[in-house]
Structure formats: C-alpha cells, structure tokens
Amino acid sequence: MKLSPAKENILKKIRQALIEPTSIPFPQSEGNSSVYQPSRQEKEIEFAEEFGRVQGKFLYCADDNEMLQQLAQLIAQNAWKRIFCREQQLLLLLDLPLKGLITQEGLPDADASITSCELLIARTGSLLLSTGQESGRTISVYAPVHICIAYTRQLVYDIREGLEFLQAKYKKGLPSLITLATGPSRTADIEKTLVVGVHGPKDVYVFLVDAD
C-alpha cells in the first residue's frame, strides 16, 4: 500500500529521529547537582514537618525499646486486636512485646499492618517502598492503618538520592514496583471533596528510631 506524501514525510522524520541521538532538553538539571536546594535543618525535622503536612502521624523514638513501648500504647489506645506483619526481622523484634496480636495471616481482617521501608524522603515526607521488601506491594495499602518502622540511617533528603540508593542496592535487578507513599490515601474525585482513606489506609504512622 502506497502511503500519502504527508504520512511518508512523518515516517521519515521518525526514522531520522531514532537514528540521531536526542539532546537533553535541560542539561543544567543533569549531573551531580540536585534541582532542589539542600535542607538547612536536620533531615529528621524536615521529614517530621513534611509528613505532618500530609496528615501523617510521626513518632520519634530513642531506641527500639522506646519504639516498642510507644507502639504498644498506640495499639492499646485504639483497641486493635490483629496486627498484620510478615517481615521476619520485624517479627523477631515484635514477637514478645506484641505476643498474641501479631499475625502473618488474614490481612483483610487486620486492624493495622506493620512494614519497614526502603527509605524515608525528607523533602516530601514520603515513604519509599518497593516489592523488593518482604511485605510486597499489598500490605502497606490494604489494612486501614499502615505503621512503618524506620531508622534514622534510612533518611535521605530528596527522591534522587532514594533512586540512586535503590539502583546501587539492586543493580540490574530493580524491583517490579517502586512507589512513594506520601501520607494517608486521599482523593478529590468525588465532587471535588477531599476524602481520606478511599484507595488505601486512612492513617499512616511512622516510628522513626534513632539508628545510634
């Protein structure tokens, strides 16, 4: 089938574009420098402020013992009976303090889920999650409450640092899903009214434990 001159001209341009390298549109944004100005305060404070702005609930803990105490208090206050977790390292940490509450089965019936994260992004108050973690892709979004336990060594300033970390960690075997969770699920699709907890957890807690 013979193509019209106009279509042939378009295809010719496409073929030429594929042969010739495409120049970077904004070369000044590439390289080692970030487009964002560095933070003037500690990353812990930056994350706590930004996480709070997106309705996240932040708790700072001096060590694992304090984290376990605060977590037990939170569970008691909300009368949660089933806490879903399947990450082995977290299960070992939580086993005795939360004995009888932790379950590795029945996610649909859980009051809350507990996971770790890849990193915390201070500039946006986001959790960087991936399917490379034991929790997979469903646990952080299925339960009505998501609790993330993280350490100060997991804090980075911006998303670029986070992606560079993942690339170095997984090399050519990047996880099939890499996502940023910024506060509770929310949407304004229904008559432009903001609704929280529609497509995911209505509450997100981050327990940040001092790595030292």
N, C-alpha and C. Protein backbone atom coordinates (compact mmCIF):
# COMPACT_ATOMS: atom_id res chain seq x y z
N MET A 1 0.84 -1.20 0.00
CA MET A 1 0.00 0.00 0.00
C MET A 1 0.88 1.25 0.00
N LYS A 2 0.58 2.13 -0.95
CA LYS A 2 1.37 3.34 -1.07
C LYS A 2 0.89 4.39 -0.08
N LEU A 3 1.84 4.97 0.67
CA LEU A 3 1.49 5.99 1.65
C LEU A 3 1.40 7.35 0.98
N SER A 4 0.57 8.18 1.56
CA SER A 4 0.46 9.55 1.07
C SER A 4 1.75 10.30 1.37
N PRO A 5 2.07 11.35 0.62
CA PRO A 5 3.30 12.12 0.86
C PRO A 5 3.40 12.64 2.30
N ALA A 6 2.26 13.02 2.88
CA ALA A 6 2.28 13.56 4.25
C ALA A 6 2.69 12.48 5.25
N LYS A 7 2.10 11.26 5.12
CA LYS A 7 2.43 10.17 6.03
C LYS A 7 3.88 9.71 5.84
N GLU A 8 4.31 9.66 4.58
CA GLU A 8 5.69 9.27 4.30
C GLU A 8 6.67 10.26 4.92
N ASN A 9 6.32 11.52 4.87
CA ASN A 9 7.18 12.56 5.47
C ASN A 9 7.27 12.40 6.98
N ILE A 10 6.15 12.06 7.64
CA ILE A 10 6.13 11.85 9.09
C ILE A 10 7.00 10.65 9.45
N LEU A 11 6.84 9.53 8.72
CA LEU A 11 7.63 8.34 8.99
C LEU A 11 9.12 8.59 8.77
N LYS A 12 9.43 9.37 7.78
CA LYS A 12 10.83 9.71 7.51
C LYS A 12 11.44 10.46 8.68
N LYS A 13 10.67 11.39 9.23
CA LYS A 13 11.15 12.17 10.38
C LYS A 13 11.33 11.27 11.61
N ILE A 14 10.42 10.31 11.80
CA ILE A 14 10.52 9.40 12.94
C ILE A 14 11.77 8.54 12.81
N ARG A 15 12.00 7.99 11.59
CA ARG A 15 13.19 7.16 11.36
C ARG A 15 14.46 7.95 11.62
N GLN A 16 14.48 9.20 11.17
CA GLN A 16 15.66 10.05 11.36
C GLN A 16 15.88 10.35 12.83
N ALA A 17 14.79 10.57 13.56
CA ALA A 17 14.89 10.87 14.99
C ALA A 17 15.44 9.68 15.77
N LEU A 18 15.07 8.46 15.33
CA LEU A 18 15.57 7.27 16.01
C LEU A 18 17.05 7.04 15.76
N ILE A 19 17.53 7.49 14.61
CA ILE A 19 18.95 7.33 14.27
C ILE A 19 19.81 8.33 15.02
N GLU A 20 19.35 9.58 15.07
CA GLU A 20 20.12 10.65 15.69
C GLU A 20 19.86 10.69 17.18
N PRO A 21 20.90 10.88 18.00
CA PRO A 21 20.70 10.97 19.45
C PRO A 21 19.90 12.22 19.82
N THR A 22 19.05 12.07 20.80
CA THR A 22 18.22 13.20 21.26
C THR A 22 18.98 13.99 22.32
N SER A 23 19.05 15.28 22.12
CA SER A 23 19.75 16.12 23.09
C SER A 23 18.93 16.27 24.36
N ILE A 24 19.60 16.42 25.48
CA ILE A 24 18.93 16.62 26.76
C ILE A 24 18.32 18.01 26.78
N PRO A 25 17.00 18.14 27.02
CA PRO A 25 16.35 19.45 26.93
C PRO A 25 16.83 20.46 27.98
N PHE A 26 17.15 19.95 29.19
CA PHE A 26 17.60 20.85 30.26
C PHE A 26 18.89 20.31 30.85
N PRO A 27 20.00 20.47 30.13
CA PRO A 27 21.27 19.86 30.59
C PRO A 27 21.74 20.38 31.93
N GLN A 28 21.32 21.60 32.29
CA GLN A 28 21.76 22.16 33.57
C GLN A 28 21.17 21.43 34.76
N SER A 29 20.09 20.66 34.53
CA SER A 29 19.47 19.91 35.63
C SER A 29 20.08 18.53 35.79
N GLU A 30 20.96 18.13 34.87
CA GLU A 30 21.59 16.82 34.95
C GLU A 30 22.91 16.92 35.71
N GLY A 31 23.55 15.77 35.88
CA GLY A 31 24.83 15.76 36.58
C GLY A 31 24.66 15.47 38.04
N ASN A 32 25.62 15.88 38.84
CA ASN A 32 25.63 15.54 40.27
C ASN A 32 24.81 16.49 41.12
N SER A 33 24.47 17.64 40.57
CA SER A 33 23.75 18.62 41.39
C SER A 33 22.26 18.34 41.38
N SER A 34 21.60 18.61 42.49
CA SER A 34 20.16 18.43 42.60
C SER A 34 19.46 19.73 42.24
N VAL A 35 18.26 19.62 41.68
CA VAL A 35 17.49 20.82 41.36
C VAL A 35 16.93 21.46 42.62
N TYR A 36 16.98 20.74 43.72
CA TYR A 36 16.47 21.25 44.98
C TYR A 36 17.61 21.79 45.84
N GLN A 37 17.30 22.86 46.53
CA GLN A 37 18.28 23.42 47.46
C GLN A 37 18.41 22.49 48.66
N PRO A 38 19.63 22.29 49.17
CA PRO A 38 19.79 21.41 50.32
C PRO A 38 19.05 21.95 51.54
N SER A 39 18.62 21.04 52.38
CA SER A 39 17.90 21.43 53.58
C SER A 39 18.82 22.18 54.54
N ARG A 40 18.25 23.15 55.23
CA ARG A 40 19.01 23.90 56.22
C ARG A 40 18.77 23.38 57.63
N GLN A 41 18.01 22.30 57.75
CA GLN A 41 17.78 21.71 59.06
C GLN A 41 17.99 20.20 58.97
N GLU A 42 18.00 19.55 60.11
CA GLU A 42 18.25 18.12 60.14
C GLU A 42 17.15 17.38 59.39
N LYS A 43 17.53 16.28 58.75
CA LYS A 43 16.57 15.53 57.93
C LYS A 43 15.42 14.99 58.77
N GLU A 44 15.69 14.63 60.04
CA GLU A 44 14.62 14.13 60.90
C GLU A 44 13.52 15.19 61.07
N ILE A 45 13.94 16.43 61.28
CA ILE A 45 12.98 17.52 61.48
C ILE A 45 12.25 17.81 60.17
N GLU A 46 13.00 17.83 59.08
CA GLU A 46 12.40 18.08 57.76
C GLU A 46 11.33 17.04 57.45
N PHE A 47 11.67 15.77 57.67
CA PHE A 47 10.70 14.71 57.38
C PHE A 47 9.47 14.85 58.28
N ALA A 48 9.68 15.07 59.57
CA ALA A 48 8.55 15.17 60.50
C ALA A 48 7.60 16.30 60.10
N GLU A 49 8.15 17.44 59.70
CA GLU A 49 7.32 18.58 59.30
C GLU A 49 6.53 18.28 58.04
N GLU A 50 7.21 17.74 57.02
CA GLU A 50 6.55 17.47 55.75
C GLU A 50 5.55 16.32 55.87
N PHE A 51 5.89 15.31 56.64
CA PHE A 51 4.99 14.18 56.86
C PHE A 51 3.72 14.64 57.59
N GLY A 52 3.89 15.55 58.53
CA GLY A 52 2.73 16.10 59.24
C GLY A 52 1.83 16.91 58.33
N ARG A 53 2.41 17.59 57.35
CA ARG A 53 1.62 18.42 56.43
C ARG A 53 0.70 17.58 55.56
N VAL A 54 1.06 16.32 55.33
CA VAL A 54 0.21 15.45 54.51
C VAL A 54 -0.61 14.49 55.38
N GLN A 55 -0.81 14.87 56.64
CA GLN A 55 -1.66 14.15 57.60
C GLN A 55 -1.06 12.83 58.08
N GLY A 56 0.25 12.70 57.95
CA GLY A 56 0.92 11.55 58.53
C GLY A 56 1.13 11.74 60.03
N LYS A 57 1.30 10.65 60.76
CA LYS A 57 1.47 10.71 62.21
C LYS A 57 2.88 10.20 62.55
N PHE A 58 3.67 11.08 63.10
CA PHE A 58 5.10 10.82 63.28
C PHE A 58 5.43 10.63 64.75
N LEU A 59 6.23 9.60 65.04
CA LEU A 59 6.69 9.35 66.41
C LEU A 59 8.19 9.10 66.38
N TYR A 60 8.93 9.87 67.15
CA TYR A 60 10.39 9.71 67.23
C TYR A 60 10.73 8.87 68.46
N CYS A 61 11.63 7.90 68.28
CA CYS A 61 11.99 7.00 69.37
C CYS A 61 13.51 6.96 69.51
N ALA A 62 13.96 6.99 70.76
CA ALA A 62 15.41 7.00 71.02
C ALA A 62 16.04 5.66 70.69
N ASP A 63 15.28 4.56 70.83
CA ASP A 63 15.81 3.22 70.54
C ASP A 63 14.65 2.27 70.31
N ASP A 64 14.97 0.99 70.07
CA ASP A 64 13.93 0.00 69.80
C ASP A 64 13.00 -0.19 71.00
N ASN A 65 13.53 -0.12 72.21
CA ASN A 65 12.70 -0.32 73.39
C ASN A 65 11.62 0.76 73.50
N GLU A 66 12.03 2.00 73.27
CA GLU A 66 11.04 3.09 73.32
C GLU A 66 10.02 2.95 72.20
N MET A 67 10.47 2.51 71.03
CA MET A 67 9.55 2.30 69.92
C MET A 67 8.51 1.25 70.28
N LEU A 68 8.95 0.14 70.89
CA LEU A 68 8.04 -0.93 71.25
C LEU A 68 7.03 -0.47 72.30
N GLN A 69 7.48 0.35 73.25
CA GLN A 69 6.57 0.89 74.27
C GLN A 69 5.52 1.79 73.64
N GLN A 70 5.95 2.69 72.77
CA GLN A 70 5.00 3.61 72.13
C GLN A 70 4.04 2.87 71.21
N LEU A 71 4.55 1.85 70.53
CA LEU A 71 3.70 1.05 69.64
C LEU A 71 2.64 0.30 70.44
N ALA A 72 3.04 -0.28 71.57
CA ALA A 72 2.09 -1.00 72.43
C ALA A 72 1.01 -0.04 72.96
N GLN A 73 1.40 1.18 73.33
CA GLN A 73 0.44 2.18 73.81
C GLN A 73 -0.55 2.55 72.70
N LEU A 74 -0.04 2.73 71.48
CA LEU A 74 -0.90 3.08 70.35
C LEU A 74 -1.92 1.98 70.10
N ILE A 75 -1.47 0.75 70.12
CA ILE A 75 -2.37 -0.39 69.88
C ILE A 75 -3.43 -0.48 70.98
N ALA A 76 -3.02 -0.26 72.24
CA ALA A 76 -3.97 -0.32 73.36
C ALA A 76 -5.00 0.81 73.27
N GLN A 77 -4.55 2.00 72.93
CA GLN A 77 -5.45 3.15 72.82
C GLN A 77 -6.52 2.93 71.77
N ASN A 78 -6.16 2.26 70.67
CA ASN A 78 -7.11 2.05 69.58
C ASN A 78 -7.82 0.69 69.66
N ALA A 79 -7.47 -0.08 70.69
CA ALA A 79 -8.09 -1.41 70.90
C ALA A 79 -7.96 -2.31 69.67
N TRP A 80 -6.81 -2.25 69.01
CA TRP A 80 -6.56 -3.12 67.87
C TRP A 80 -6.29 -4.54 68.36
N LYS A 81 -6.86 -5.51 67.67
CA LYS A 81 -6.74 -6.91 68.08
C LYS A 81 -5.86 -7.74 67.15
N ARG A 82 -5.77 -7.32 65.89
CA ARG A 82 -4.99 -8.08 64.92
C ARG A 82 -4.05 -7.14 64.16
N ILE A 83 -2.76 -7.37 64.28
CA ILE A 83 -1.74 -6.55 63.62
C ILE A 83 -1.00 -7.44 62.62
N PHE A 84 -1.12 -7.13 61.35
CA PHE A 84 -0.53 -7.97 60.32
C PHE A 84 0.92 -7.56 60.03
N CYS A 85 1.80 -8.54 59.99
CA CYS A 85 3.21 -8.30 59.65
C CYS A 85 3.80 -9.60 59.15
N ARG A 86 4.62 -9.53 58.08
CA ARG A 86 5.25 -10.76 57.62
C ARG A 86 6.75 -10.59 57.33
N GLU A 87 7.34 -9.49 57.77
CA GLU A 87 8.78 -9.31 57.61
C GLU A 87 9.49 -9.97 58.80
N GLN A 88 10.37 -10.90 58.50
CA GLN A 88 10.97 -11.72 59.54
C GLN A 88 11.72 -10.89 60.59
N GLN A 89 12.45 -9.89 60.16
CA GLN A 89 13.22 -9.08 61.12
C GLN A 89 12.29 -8.33 62.06
N LEU A 90 11.19 -7.82 61.52
CA LEU A 90 10.22 -7.12 62.37
C LEU A 90 9.49 -8.11 63.29
N LEU A 91 9.19 -9.30 62.78
CA LEU A 91 8.51 -10.29 63.61
C LEU A 91 9.35 -10.67 64.81
N LEU A 92 10.65 -10.80 64.62
CA LEU A 92 11.53 -11.11 65.75
C LEU A 92 11.53 -9.99 66.77
N LEU A 93 11.50 -8.76 66.29
CA LEU A 93 11.52 -7.59 67.17
C LEU A 93 10.20 -7.45 67.93
N LEU A 94 9.08 -7.77 67.27
CA LEU A 94 7.76 -7.51 67.84
C LEU A 94 7.17 -8.71 68.58
N ASP A 95 7.76 -9.88 68.41
CA ASP A 95 7.15 -11.12 68.88
C ASP A 95 6.73 -11.09 70.34
N LEU A 96 7.67 -10.84 71.24
CA LEU A 96 7.34 -10.88 72.68
C LEU A 96 6.50 -9.69 73.12
N PRO A 97 6.88 -8.44 72.78
CA PRO A 97 6.08 -7.30 73.25
C PRO A 97 4.63 -7.33 72.75
N LEU A 98 4.41 -7.86 71.56
CA LEU A 98 3.05 -7.85 70.99
C LEU A 98 2.52 -9.26 70.80
N LYS A 99 2.92 -10.17 71.66
CA LYS A 99 2.53 -11.58 71.53
C LYS A 99 1.00 -11.71 71.57
N GLY A 100 0.47 -12.46 70.64
CA GLY A 100 -0.97 -12.65 70.56
C GLY A 100 -1.67 -11.65 69.65
N LEU A 101 -1.01 -10.55 69.32
CA LEU A 101 -1.60 -9.54 68.45
C LEU A 101 -1.07 -9.65 67.02
N ILE A 102 0.17 -10.10 66.89
CA ILE A 102 0.80 -10.17 65.58
C ILE A 102 0.31 -11.41 64.82
N THR A 103 -0.05 -11.22 63.57
CA THR A 103 -0.48 -12.32 62.73
C THR A 103 0.19 -12.23 61.36
N GLN A 104 0.46 -13.39 60.77
CA GLN A 104 1.01 -13.44 59.42
C GLN A 104 -0.03 -13.91 58.42
N GLU A 105 -1.27 -14.05 58.87
CA GLU A 105 -2.36 -14.48 58.00
C GLU A 105 -3.58 -13.59 58.24
N GLY A 106 -4.45 -13.52 57.26
CA GLY A 106 -5.70 -12.79 57.43
C GLY A 106 -5.56 -11.29 57.31
N LEU A 107 -4.83 -10.83 56.31
CA LEU A 107 -4.67 -9.38 56.10
C LEU A 107 -6.01 -8.66 55.97
N PRO A 108 -7.01 -9.20 55.26
CA PRO A 108 -8.29 -8.48 55.13
C PRO A 108 -8.98 -8.19 56.46
N ASP A 109 -8.67 -8.99 57.49
CA ASP A 109 -9.32 -8.80 58.79
C ASP A 109 -8.45 -8.02 59.79
N ALA A 110 -7.28 -7.58 59.35
CA ALA A 110 -6.36 -6.91 60.27
C ALA A 110 -6.80 -5.48 60.56
N ASP A 111 -6.55 -5.05 61.79
CA ASP A 111 -6.83 -3.66 62.17
C ASP A 111 -5.74 -2.72 61.66
N ALA A 112 -4.52 -3.24 61.55
CA ALA A 112 -3.39 -2.42 61.09
C ALA A 112 -2.32 -3.35 60.53
N SER A 113 -1.45 -2.79 59.71
CA SER A 113 -0.32 -3.56 59.20
C SER A 113 0.97 -2.84 59.56
N ILE A 114 2.03 -3.63 59.74
CA ILE A 114 3.34 -3.06 60.07
C ILE A 114 4.33 -3.49 59.00
N THR A 115 5.06 -2.53 58.46
CA THR A 115 6.11 -2.82 57.48
C THR A 115 7.34 -1.97 57.79
N SER A 116 8.41 -2.30 57.11
CA SER A 116 9.57 -1.40 57.08
C SER A 116 9.44 -0.57 55.81
N CYS A 117 10.49 0.07 55.37
CA CYS A 117 10.51 0.80 54.11
C CYS A 117 11.92 0.74 53.55
N GLU A 118 12.07 1.11 52.30
CA GLU A 118 13.41 1.21 51.73
C GLU A 118 14.12 2.43 52.32
N LEU A 119 13.44 3.57 52.24
CA LEU A 119 14.00 4.84 52.73
C LEU A 119 12.86 5.77 53.11
N LEU A 120 13.22 6.86 53.79
CA LEU A 120 12.31 7.98 54.02
C LEU A 120 12.85 9.18 53.26
N ILE A 121 11.98 9.89 52.54
CA ILE A 121 12.37 11.07 51.78
C ILE A 121 11.98 12.30 52.57
N ALA A 122 12.99 13.02 53.08
CA ALA A 122 12.72 14.14 53.99
C ALA A 122 12.00 15.30 53.30
N ARG A 123 12.40 15.62 52.09
CA ARG A 123 11.88 16.83 51.43
C ARG A 123 10.39 16.78 51.19
N THR A 124 9.85 15.58 50.95
CA THR A 124 8.42 15.45 50.65
C THR A 124 7.65 14.72 51.75
N GLY A 125 8.35 14.23 52.78
CA GLY A 125 7.67 13.47 53.82
C GLY A 125 7.10 12.17 53.30
N SER A 126 7.86 11.48 52.43
CA SER A 126 7.37 10.28 51.76
C SER A 126 8.09 9.02 52.23
N LEU A 127 7.38 7.90 52.11
CA LEU A 127 7.98 6.58 52.33
C LEU A 127 8.33 6.00 50.96
N LEU A 128 9.56 5.58 50.79
CA LEU A 128 9.96 4.91 49.56
C LEU A 128 9.84 3.40 49.78
N LEU A 129 8.94 2.76 49.05
CA LEU A 129 8.63 1.34 49.21
C LEU A 129 8.89 0.61 47.90
N SER A 130 9.12 -0.68 47.98
CA SER A 130 9.31 -1.48 46.77
C SER A 130 8.91 -2.92 47.01
N THR A 131 8.72 -3.64 45.91
CA THR A 131 8.40 -5.06 46.00
C THR A 131 9.65 -5.89 46.33
N GLY A 132 10.79 -5.24 46.46
CA GLY A 132 11.98 -5.93 46.92
C GLY A 132 11.92 -6.24 48.41
N GLN A 133 11.00 -5.60 49.12
CA GLN A 133 10.81 -5.86 50.55
C GLN A 133 9.94 -7.09 50.75
N GLU A 134 10.08 -7.71 51.91
CA GLU A 134 9.29 -8.91 52.23
C GLU A 134 7.79 -8.62 52.23
N SER A 135 7.41 -7.40 52.54
CA SER A 135 5.99 -7.06 52.62
C SER A 135 5.31 -7.04 51.26
N GLY A 136 6.07 -6.91 50.20
CA GLY A 136 5.46 -6.87 48.87
C GLY A 136 4.69 -5.59 48.63
N ARG A 137 3.71 -5.65 47.74
CA ARG A 137 3.02 -4.44 47.32
C ARG A 137 1.67 -4.20 47.99
N THR A 138 1.12 -5.20 48.69
CA THR A 138 -0.25 -5.06 49.19
C THR A 138 -0.35 -4.63 50.64
N ILE A 139 0.62 -5.02 51.46
CA ILE A 139 0.45 -4.87 52.91
C ILE A 139 0.37 -3.40 53.33
N SER A 140 1.12 -2.53 52.69
CA SER A 140 1.12 -1.12 53.08
C SER A 140 -0.15 -0.38 52.66
N VAL A 141 -0.94 -0.96 51.77
CA VAL A 141 -2.14 -0.26 51.28
C VAL A 141 -3.45 -0.95 51.63
N TYR A 142 -3.41 -2.21 52.08
CA TYR A 142 -4.66 -2.96 52.26
C TYR A 142 -5.31 -2.69 53.61
N ALA A 143 -4.55 -2.72 54.67
CA ALA A 143 -5.13 -2.52 56.01
C ALA A 143 -5.56 -1.07 56.19
N PRO A 144 -6.53 -0.81 57.06
CA PRO A 144 -6.99 0.57 57.26
C PRO A 144 -5.96 1.48 57.90
N VAL A 145 -4.97 0.88 58.57
CA VAL A 145 -3.89 1.66 59.21
C VAL A 145 -2.55 1.04 58.81
N HIS A 146 -1.65 1.87 58.35
CA HIS A 146 -0.31 1.40 57.99
C HIS A 146 0.70 1.99 58.97
N ILE A 147 1.48 1.12 59.59
CA ILE A 147 2.53 1.54 60.52
C ILE A 147 3.88 1.18 59.90
N CYS A 148 4.73 2.17 59.74
CA CYS A 148 6.06 1.93 59.17
C CYS A 148 7.10 2.15 60.27
N ILE A 149 7.98 1.17 60.42
CA ILE A 149 9.09 1.30 61.37
C ILE A 149 10.36 1.55 60.57
N ALA A 150 10.99 2.69 60.81
CA ALA A 150 12.19 3.08 60.06
C ALA A 150 13.25 3.59 61.01
N TYR A 151 14.46 3.70 60.50
CA TYR A 151 15.60 4.15 61.31
C TYR A 151 16.22 5.39 60.68
N THR A 152 16.85 6.20 61.52
CA THR A 152 17.40 7.47 61.03
C THR A 152 18.42 7.27 59.92
N ARG A 153 19.09 6.12 59.88
CA ARG A 153 20.05 5.86 58.80
C ARG A 153 19.35 5.71 57.44
N GLN A 154 18.03 5.54 57.45
CA GLN A 154 17.28 5.39 56.21
C GLN A 154 16.78 6.71 55.65
N LEU A 155 17.11 7.81 56.31
CA LEU A 155 16.67 9.12 55.85
C LEU A 155 17.58 9.66 54.76
N VAL A 156 16.97 10.10 53.65
CA VAL A 156 17.70 10.85 52.62
C VAL A 156 16.90 12.13 52.36
N TYR A 157 17.54 13.08 51.70
CA TYR A 157 16.87 14.37 51.54
C TYR A 157 15.85 14.35 50.41
N ASP A 158 16.25 13.94 49.19
CA ASP A 158 15.29 14.03 48.09
C ASP A 158 15.15 12.71 47.34
N ILE A 159 14.24 12.70 46.38
CA ILE A 159 13.89 11.48 45.66
C ILE A 159 15.07 10.96 44.85
N ARG A 160 15.86 11.87 44.31
CA ARG A 160 17.00 11.44 43.51
C ARG A 160 17.94 10.55 44.33
N GLU A 161 18.23 10.95 45.56
CA GLU A 161 19.09 10.14 46.42
C GLU A 161 18.47 8.76 46.64
N GLY A 162 17.15 8.73 46.79
CA GLY A 162 16.46 7.47 47.01
C GLY A 162 16.58 6.53 45.83
N LEU A 163 16.41 7.05 44.62
CA LEU A 163 16.51 6.22 43.43
C LEU A 163 17.94 5.75 43.20
N GLU A 164 18.90 6.61 43.51
CA GLU A 164 20.31 6.20 43.39
C GLU A 164 20.63 5.07 44.38
N PHE A 165 20.05 5.15 45.58
CA PHE A 165 20.24 4.10 46.57
C PHE A 165 19.69 2.77 46.06
N LEU A 166 18.47 2.80 45.50
CA LEU A 166 17.86 1.57 45.01
C LEU A 166 18.67 0.98 43.85
N GLN A 167 19.17 1.84 42.99
CA GLN A 167 19.97 1.36 41.86
C GLN A 167 21.24 0.68 42.34
N ALA A 168 21.87 1.25 43.36
CA ALA A 168 23.08 0.66 43.91
C ALA A 168 22.77 -0.63 44.67
N LYS A 169 21.63 -0.67 45.35
CA LYS A 169 21.26 -1.84 46.14
C LYS A 169 20.88 -3.04 45.27
N TYR A 170 20.05 -2.79 44.24
CA TYR A 170 19.52 -3.90 43.44
C TYR A 170 20.25 -4.08 42.11
N LYS A 171 21.06 -3.08 41.73
CA LYS A 171 21.80 -3.12 40.46
C LYS A 171 20.85 -3.40 39.29
N LYS A 172 21.07 -4.47 38.53
CA LYS A 172 20.24 -4.72 37.35
C LYS A 172 18.94 -5.43 37.70
N GLY A 173 18.77 -5.80 38.96
CA GLY A 173 17.55 -6.50 39.36
C GLY A 173 16.58 -5.61 40.10
N LEU A 174 16.30 -4.42 39.57
CA LEU A 174 15.38 -3.49 40.24
C LEU A 174 14.02 -4.14 40.47
N PRO A 175 13.38 -3.86 41.60
CA PRO A 175 12.05 -4.42 41.87
C PRO A 175 11.04 -4.02 40.81
N SER A 176 10.02 -4.83 40.64
CA SER A 176 8.99 -4.55 39.62
C SER A 176 8.13 -3.35 39.98
N LEU A 177 8.10 -3.01 41.26
CA LEU A 177 7.32 -1.83 41.69
C LEU A 177 8.13 -1.02 42.68
N ILE A 178 8.29 0.25 42.39
CA ILE A 178 8.90 1.21 43.32
C ILE A 178 7.89 2.33 43.48
N THR A 179 7.53 2.63 44.71
CA THR A 179 6.47 3.62 44.91
C THR A 179 6.81 4.57 46.05
N LEU A 180 6.24 5.76 45.99
CA LEU A 180 6.36 6.75 47.06
C LEU A 180 4.99 6.91 47.71
N ALA A 181 4.92 6.66 49.01
CA ALA A 181 3.68 6.84 49.75
C ALA A 181 3.82 8.11 50.58
N THR A 182 2.98 9.08 50.29
CA THR A 182 3.06 10.37 50.97
C THR A 182 1.79 10.60 51.77
N GLY A 183 1.78 10.13 53.00
CA GLY A 183 0.62 10.30 53.87
C GLY A 183 -0.50 9.32 53.56
N PRO A 184 -1.65 9.45 54.24
CA PRO A 184 -2.79 8.56 54.02
C PRO A 184 -3.32 8.69 52.59
N SER A 185 -4.03 7.66 52.14
CA SER A 185 -4.69 7.69 50.84
C SER A 185 -5.75 8.80 50.84
N ARG A 186 -5.83 9.55 49.74
CA ARG A 186 -6.84 10.60 49.64
C ARG A 186 -7.15 10.90 48.18
N THR A 187 -8.36 11.35 47.95
CA THR A 187 -8.78 11.69 46.60
C THR A 187 -9.80 12.82 46.66
N ALA A 188 -9.86 13.60 45.58
CA ALA A 188 -10.88 14.65 45.45
C ALA A 188 -11.73 14.39 44.21
N ASP A 189 -11.78 13.13 43.77
CA ASP A 189 -12.54 12.78 42.57
C ASP A 189 -14.04 12.89 42.77
N ILE A 190 -14.49 12.77 44.02
CA ILE A 190 -15.93 12.79 44.29
C ILE A 190 -16.38 14.21 44.57
N GLU A 191 -16.94 14.87 43.56
CA GLU A 191 -17.45 16.23 43.67
C GLU A 191 -16.40 17.20 44.23
N LYS A 192 -15.13 16.92 43.92
CA LYS A 192 -14.01 17.78 44.32
C LYS A 192 -13.91 17.95 45.84
N THR A 193 -14.44 16.97 46.57
CA THR A 193 -14.35 16.99 48.03
C THR A 193 -13.25 16.03 48.46
N LEU A 194 -12.31 16.52 49.27
CA LEU A 194 -11.20 15.68 49.71
C LEU A 194 -11.69 14.60 50.66
N VAL A 195 -11.42 13.35 50.29
CA VAL A 195 -11.81 12.20 51.10
C VAL A 195 -10.54 11.41 51.42
N VAL A 196 -10.35 11.06 52.68
CA VAL A 196 -9.16 10.33 53.11
C VAL A 196 -9.49 8.86 53.31
N GLY A 197 -8.59 7.99 52.88
CA GLY A 197 -8.74 6.56 53.12
C GLY A 197 -9.59 5.83 52.10
N VAL A 198 -9.67 6.32 50.87
CA VAL A 198 -10.50 5.69 49.86
C VAL A 198 -9.77 4.53 49.18
N HIS A 199 -8.56 4.78 48.71
CA HIS A 199 -7.81 3.78 47.95
C HIS A 199 -6.67 3.17 48.75
N GLY A 200 -6.67 3.34 50.04
CA GLY A 200 -5.58 2.83 50.87
C GLY A 200 -5.84 3.18 52.32
N PRO A 201 -4.80 3.14 53.16
CA PRO A 201 -5.00 3.38 54.59
C PRO A 201 -5.48 4.79 54.89
N LYS A 202 -6.33 4.90 55.90
CA LYS A 202 -6.81 6.22 56.31
C LYS A 202 -5.85 6.88 57.30
N ASP A 203 -4.99 6.07 57.92
CA ASP A 203 -3.98 6.59 58.84
C ASP A 203 -2.64 5.94 58.53
N VAL A 204 -1.58 6.75 58.53
CA VAL A 204 -0.23 6.24 58.32
C VAL A 204 0.65 6.76 59.46
N TYR A 205 1.29 5.83 60.16
CA TYR A 205 2.20 6.17 61.26
C TYR A 205 3.63 5.83 60.84
N VAL A 206 4.56 6.69 61.20
CA VAL A 206 5.98 6.38 61.05
C VAL A 206 6.64 6.45 62.42
N PHE A 207 7.20 5.33 62.85
CA PHE A 207 8.02 5.30 64.05
C PHE A 207 9.47 5.40 63.60
N LEU A 208 10.07 6.55 63.85
CA LEU A 208 11.47 6.75 63.45
C LEU A 208 12.37 6.49 64.65
N VAL A 209 13.21 5.46 64.52
CA VAL A 209 14.07 5.04 65.61
C VAL A 209 15.48 5.56 65.36
N ASP A 210 16.07 6.15 66.37
CA ASP A 210 17.45 6.65 66.26
C ASP A 210 18.38 5.47 65.99
N ALA A 211 19.08 5.51 64.88
CA ALA A 211 19.92 4.38 64.48
C ALA A 211 21.10 4.16 65.41
N ASP A 212 21.49 5.20 66.16
CA ASP A 212 22.63 5.07 67.06
C ASP A 212 22.25 4.45 68.39
